[in-house]
Amino acid sequence: MADKPGWRRCPVWLLHLIPDPAKNLNQAPTSEALPVADAPRNRNPMTNILLTGSSRGIGAAIAQVLSASDGIRLIGHGTASGIAADFADPAGPRQLWDKALAELGSIDVVINNAGVFEDNPIDLGDDDWVAGWERTMRINLTASAELCRFAVRHWQERQSGGRIVNVASRAAYRGDSPQHWHYAASKAGMVAMTKSIARGYAAQGILAFAVCPGFTMTGMAEEYLSSRGGDKLLADIPLGRVADPEEIANAVAYLATSAPPSMTGAVIDVNGASYVR
């Protein structure tokens, strides 16, 4: 039959959205009409938290923000706070996880913040350069990956869901100095790992986020700024200053405890617009 003038043929898929007059329009839609994923929704409060690198800088600020929240049970990691574990030692991540789990009973959130920022110039001897590369990779990336793996398997066994927040860096996207190839590569690996976890396990209620700080007023950043002309580097930050650790901590705490599940996979930049992507 030919279409009448001014009429448009209704697409077949749209016909499924037109109400059936024979049905009660006041009736609530059923799961048959509107399928709903049965994955965990992270409805349970994220209260038991393991935070690495909590002794100083950004980690200490994260610990302070989270400890001020009602109901949070926080286990820190470091020589000056929480459980001591050397991430340069391949046994370190497992030791930390087991001790934290024994103390908390269960873990809802893992925040991977521990890291090193050490010079590794290319004119070092081959063995020394490779040793510097592998040390940074082990501490910054491999230890974080191991803790993420332990956490995912823990949540799968409990069928409870959970959250991972990885503290990466602006260097993951922008790169870093000629002395810090390894640092930039380790942080780029953290971002890629975060996205892989988010995509791979969201249906199980396992969420993953990353925060990418720019220069932050910590011991590592202060040393870097002073050694490379602080005023020149600050001129590259439109905001006109480096971030305070509390600014990073507030972003991390939000992702760890209250960010909506649909944000899983998100990477939050906190860099004063020094790198916009």
Protein backbone atom coordinates (compact mmCIF):
# COMPACT_ATOMS: atom_id res chain seq x y z
CA MET A 1 0.00 0.00 0.00
CA ALA A 2 1.39 3.40 -0.93
CA ASP A 3 2.11 5.89 1.84
CA LYS A 4 -0.33 8.82 2.04
CA PRO A 5 1.05 12.29 1.37
CA GLY A 6 2.77 13.70 4.47
CA TRP A 7 3.07 10.29 6.13
CA ARG A 8 6.31 8.52 6.94
CA ARG A 9 6.60 4.78 7.25
CA CYS A 10 7.21 3.73 10.86
CA PRO A 11 10.44 1.72 11.30
CA VAL A 12 9.83 -1.83 12.39
CA TRP A 13 11.90 -1.43 15.58
CA LEU A 14 9.78 1.53 16.68
CA LEU A 15 6.62 -0.57 16.63
CA HIS A 16 7.88 -2.39 19.73
CA LEU A 17 7.80 0.89 21.66
CA ILE A 18 4.16 1.73 20.83
CA PRO A 19 1.86 0.78 23.76
CA ASP A 20 -0.62 -2.01 23.23
CA PRO A 21 -4.12 -0.59 23.95
CA ALA A 22 -5.17 -4.01 25.26
CA LYS A 23 -2.68 -3.76 28.11
CA ASN A 24 -3.10 -1.82 31.33
CA LEU A 25 -0.85 1.23 30.92
CA ASN A 26 -0.78 1.78 34.67
CA GLN A 27 0.84 -1.59 35.29
CA ALA A 28 4.54 -1.44 36.19
CA PRO A 29 6.80 -2.84 33.45
CA THR A 30 7.95 -6.37 34.06
CA SER A 31 11.46 -7.73 33.82
CA GLU A 32 10.30 -9.56 30.67
CA ALA A 33 9.50 -6.26 28.95
CA LEU A 34 12.56 -4.40 30.25
CA PRO A 35 15.42 -6.79 31.02
CA VAL A 36 17.54 -5.62 33.92
CA ALA A 37 21.10 -6.79 34.50
CA ASP A 38 21.32 -8.90 37.62
CA ALA A 39 24.91 -7.87 38.40
CA PRO A 40 25.74 -6.55 41.87
CA ARG A 41 25.19 -2.79 42.07
CA ASN A 42 27.67 -1.93 44.85
CA ARG A 43 24.73 -1.09 47.12
CA ASN A 44 26.69 -2.14 50.19
CA PRO A 45 28.75 0.66 51.71
CA MET A 46 32.42 0.57 50.84
CA THR A 47 33.78 0.60 54.38
CA ASN A 48 36.82 -1.71 54.58
CA ILE A 49 39.63 0.00 52.68
CA LEU A 50 43.25 -0.92 51.98
CA LEU A 51 45.41 2.09 51.05
CA THR A 52 49.02 1.71 49.91
CA GLY A 53 51.67 4.36 50.37
CA SER A 54 49.84 6.01 53.25
CA SER A 55 52.83 7.39 55.17
CA ARG A 56 53.24 10.75 53.43
CA GLY A 57 52.20 13.05 50.63
CA ILE A 58 49.07 12.13 48.71
CA GLY A 59 48.70 8.86 50.62
CA ALA A 60 48.71 10.57 54.01
CA ALA A 61 46.12 13.07 52.75
CA ILE A 62 43.90 10.24 51.48
CA ALA A 63 44.17 8.50 54.85
CA GLN A 64 43.18 11.68 56.66
CA VAL A 65 40.14 12.30 54.45
CA LEU A 66 38.90 8.71 54.69
CA SER A 67 39.53 8.44 58.43
CA ALA A 68 37.27 11.45 58.97
CA SER A 69 34.35 9.56 57.40
CA ASP A 70 31.99 7.65 59.68
CA GLY A 71 32.13 3.88 59.40
CA ILE A 72 35.36 3.64 57.44
CA ARG A 73 37.85 0.98 58.54
CA LEU A 74 41.15 1.87 56.94
CA ILE A 75 44.33 -0.19 56.76
CA GLY A 76 47.34 1.82 55.66
CA HIS A 77 50.64 0.65 54.25
CA GLY A 78 54.05 2.07 54.98
CA THR A 79 56.88 2.24 57.46
CA ALA A 80 55.29 5.17 59.29
CA SER A 81 51.65 4.08 59.03
CA GLY A 82 49.81 0.81 58.82
CA ILE A 83 51.45 -2.41 57.65
CA ALA A 84 55.03 -2.35 56.44
CA ALA A 85 55.61 -4.14 53.13
CA ASP A 86 58.45 -3.62 50.67
CA PHE A 87 57.04 -3.55 47.14
CA ALA A 88 60.56 -3.91 45.69
CA ASP A 89 60.35 -7.44 47.12
CA PRO A 90 58.11 -9.69 45.00
CA ALA A 91 56.68 -11.14 48.22
CA GLY A 92 55.60 -7.70 49.50
CA PRO A 93 52.14 -7.34 47.91
CA ARG A 94 50.96 -10.76 49.07
CA GLN A 95 52.23 -10.13 52.60
CA LEU A 96 50.36 -6.83 52.74
CA TRP A 97 47.14 -8.32 51.36
CA ASP A 98 47.12 -11.26 53.74
CA LYS A 99 47.79 -9.12 56.81
CA ALA A 100 45.17 -6.52 55.84
CA LEU A 101 42.57 -9.19 55.09
CA ALA A 102 43.24 -10.91 58.41
CA GLU A 103 42.74 -7.65 60.25
CA LEU A 104 39.66 -6.43 58.38
CA GLY A 105 37.98 -9.76 57.67
CA SER A 106 37.05 -8.56 54.19
CA ILE A 107 38.19 -5.76 51.91
CA ASP A 108 35.78 -3.58 49.94
CA VAL A 109 38.17 -1.08 48.36
CA VAL A 110 41.80 -1.11 47.27
CA ILE A 111 43.56 2.21 46.66
CA ASN A 112 46.91 1.79 44.92
CA ASN A 113 48.89 4.91 45.74
CA ALA A 114 52.39 3.67 46.57
CA GLY A 115 55.08 4.59 44.07
CA VAL A 116 58.58 5.87 43.46
CA PHE A 117 59.90 8.67 41.25
CA GLU A 118 63.60 8.10 40.69
CA ASP A 119 66.01 9.34 38.02
CA ASN A 120 67.13 6.76 35.45
CA PRO A 121 69.22 8.57 32.80
CA ILE A 122 69.98 6.70 29.59
CA ASP A 123 73.75 7.16 29.96
CA LEU A 124 73.87 4.70 32.86
CA GLY A 125 75.44 1.34 32.25
CA ASP A 126 73.13 -1.24 30.70
CA ASP A 127 72.67 -3.30 33.85
CA ASP A 128 72.09 -0.23 36.03
CA TRP A 129 69.57 1.26 33.60
CA VAL A 130 67.60 -1.98 33.38
CA ALA A 131 67.72 -2.37 37.16
CA GLY A 132 66.30 1.15 37.61
CA TRP A 133 63.56 0.44 35.04
CA GLU A 134 62.57 -2.83 36.64
CA ARG A 135 62.56 -1.40 40.17
CA THR A 136 60.13 1.35 39.19
CA MET A 137 57.94 -1.07 37.24
CA ARG A 138 57.80 -3.52 40.13
CA ILE A 139 56.89 -0.91 42.75
CA ASN A 140 54.60 1.31 40.68
CA LEU A 141 52.88 -1.18 38.39
CA THR A 142 53.47 -4.83 39.22
CA ALA A 143 52.68 -4.48 42.93
CA SER A 144 49.50 -2.58 42.04
CA ALA A 145 48.54 -5.25 39.52
CA GLU A 146 49.01 -7.99 42.12
CA LEU A 147 46.80 -6.19 44.64
CA CYS A 148 44.15 -5.63 41.97
CA ARG A 149 44.24 -9.35 41.15
CA PHE A 150 43.95 -10.35 44.80
CA ALA A 151 41.01 -7.97 45.20
CA VAL A 152 39.13 -9.13 42.09
CA ARG A 153 39.45 -12.77 43.11
CA HIS A 154 38.38 -11.90 46.68
CA TRP A 155 35.23 -10.18 45.41
CA GLN A 156 34.45 -12.95 42.96
CA GLU A 157 34.61 -15.49 45.78
CA ARG A 158 32.35 -13.36 47.98
CA GLN A 159 30.10 -12.30 45.06
CA SER A 160 30.09 -8.90 46.69
CA GLY A 161 31.54 -6.42 44.25
CA GLY A 162 34.19 -3.89 45.21
CA ARG A 163 36.15 -0.86 44.09
CA ILE A 164 39.69 -0.19 42.92
CA VAL A 165 41.17 3.31 42.71
CA ASN A 166 44.59 3.56 41.08
CA VAL A 167 46.59 6.76 41.59
CA ALA A 168 48.42 7.17 38.29
CA SER A 169 49.83 10.42 36.90
CA ARG A 170 49.53 13.06 34.21
CA ALA A 171 52.69 11.42 32.85
CA ALA A 172 50.55 8.47 31.70
CA TYR A 173 49.25 10.69 28.89
CA ARG A 174 51.75 13.52 28.56
CA GLY A 175 54.97 11.61 29.22
CA ASP A 176 57.75 12.78 31.51
CA SER A 177 61.39 13.90 31.45
CA PRO A 178 64.22 12.03 29.69
CA GLN A 179 65.22 10.66 33.10
CA HIS A 180 61.76 9.22 33.76
CA TRP A 181 60.73 6.99 30.87
CA HIS A 182 60.09 4.23 33.38
CA TYR A 183 57.85 6.39 35.57
CA ALA A 184 55.65 7.49 32.66
CA ALA A 185 55.43 3.93 31.35
CA SER A 186 54.47 2.57 34.78
CA LYS A 187 51.66 5.11 35.15
CA ALA A 188 50.39 4.53 31.61
CA GLY A 189 50.25 0.85 32.51
CA MET A 190 48.15 1.66 35.58
CA VAL A 191 45.63 3.55 33.46
CA ALA A 192 45.37 0.75 30.88
CA MET A 193 45.03 -1.82 33.67
CA THR A 194 42.26 0.23 35.30
CA LYS A 195 40.27 0.38 32.07
CA SER A 196 40.75 -3.34 31.47
CA ILE A 197 39.47 -4.19 34.95
CA ALA A 198 36.51 -1.85 34.56
CA ARG A 199 35.47 -3.40 31.25
CA GLY A 200 36.18 -6.96 32.30
CA TYR A 201 34.36 -7.12 35.63
CA ALA A 202 31.67 -4.42 35.71
CA ALA A 203 28.97 -7.06 35.29
CA GLN A 204 30.13 -8.55 38.61
CA GLY A 205 29.87 -5.23 40.44
CA ILE A 206 33.64 -4.75 40.42
CA LEU A 207 34.43 -1.12 39.63
CA ALA A 208 37.75 0.49 38.77
CA PHE A 209 38.81 4.12 38.56
CA ALA A 210 42.03 6.06 38.16
CA VAL A 211 43.18 9.51 39.23
CA CYS A 212 45.94 11.26 37.29
CA PRO A 213 47.51 14.08 39.32
CA GLY A 214 49.84 16.62 37.83
CA PHE A 215 52.46 18.22 40.05
CA THR A 216 51.32 17.96 43.64
CA MET A 217 53.03 19.58 46.63
CA THR A 218 54.66 16.46 48.01
CA GLY A 219 58.26 15.62 48.72
CA MET A 220 58.74 14.09 45.26
CA ALA A 221 57.27 17.09 43.44
CA GLU A 222 59.11 19.68 45.52
CA GLU A 223 62.45 18.06 44.69
CA TYR A 224 61.56 17.84 41.00
CA LEU A 225 60.40 21.46 40.80
CA SER A 226 63.43 22.88 42.57
CA SER A 227 65.87 20.89 40.43
CA ARG A 228 64.32 22.01 37.14
CA GLY A 229 63.41 25.63 37.70
CA GLY A 230 60.12 25.84 39.52
CA ASP A 231 58.94 29.12 37.98
CA LYS A 232 59.30 27.80 34.43
CA LEU A 233 57.35 24.66 35.23
CA LEU A 234 54.65 26.59 37.06
CA ALA A 235 54.20 28.77 33.98
CA ASP A 236 53.00 25.62 32.18
CA ILE A 237 50.11 25.23 34.64
CA PRO A 238 47.21 27.55 33.68
CA LEU A 239 45.88 27.43 37.24
CA GLY A 240 49.16 28.99 38.34
CA ARG A 241 50.01 26.53 41.11
CA VAL A 242 50.55 22.88 41.80
CA ALA A 243 47.80 20.83 43.42
CA ASP A 244 47.48 20.36 47.16
CA PRO A 245 47.50 16.72 48.35
CA GLU A 246 44.03 17.28 49.82
CA GLU A 247 42.65 17.98 46.33
CA ILE A 248 43.85 14.61 45.09
CA ALA A 249 42.65 12.95 48.29
CA ASN A 250 39.12 14.28 47.89
CA ALA A 251 38.92 12.92 44.33
CA VAL A 252 40.19 9.52 45.44
CA ALA A 253 37.81 9.37 48.41
CA TYR A 254 34.86 10.18 46.15
CA LEU A 255 35.72 7.39 43.72
CA ALA A 256 36.40 4.94 46.53
CA THR A 257 33.15 5.46 48.42
CA SER A 258 30.40 7.25 46.55
CA ALA A 259 30.99 7.68 42.80
CA PRO A 260 28.09 6.21 40.82
CA PRO A 261 28.77 2.75 39.35
CA SER A 262 28.32 4.07 35.81
CA MET A 263 31.56 6.01 36.29
CA THR A 264 33.57 2.79 36.31
CA GLY A 265 36.53 3.06 33.96
CA ALA A 266 36.76 6.82 34.47
CA VAL A 267 40.16 8.51 34.69
CA ILE A 268 40.03 11.80 36.61
CA ASP A 269 42.64 14.47 35.80
CA VAL A 270 43.75 16.78 38.62
CA ASN A 271 46.47 18.88 37.03
CA GLY A 272 45.40 22.53 36.87
CA ALA A 273 44.74 22.20 33.12
CA SER A 274 48.44 21.59 32.44
CA TYR A 275 47.31 18.69 30.27
CA VAL A 276 43.83 18.55 28.79
CA ARG A 277 42.73 15.54 26.76
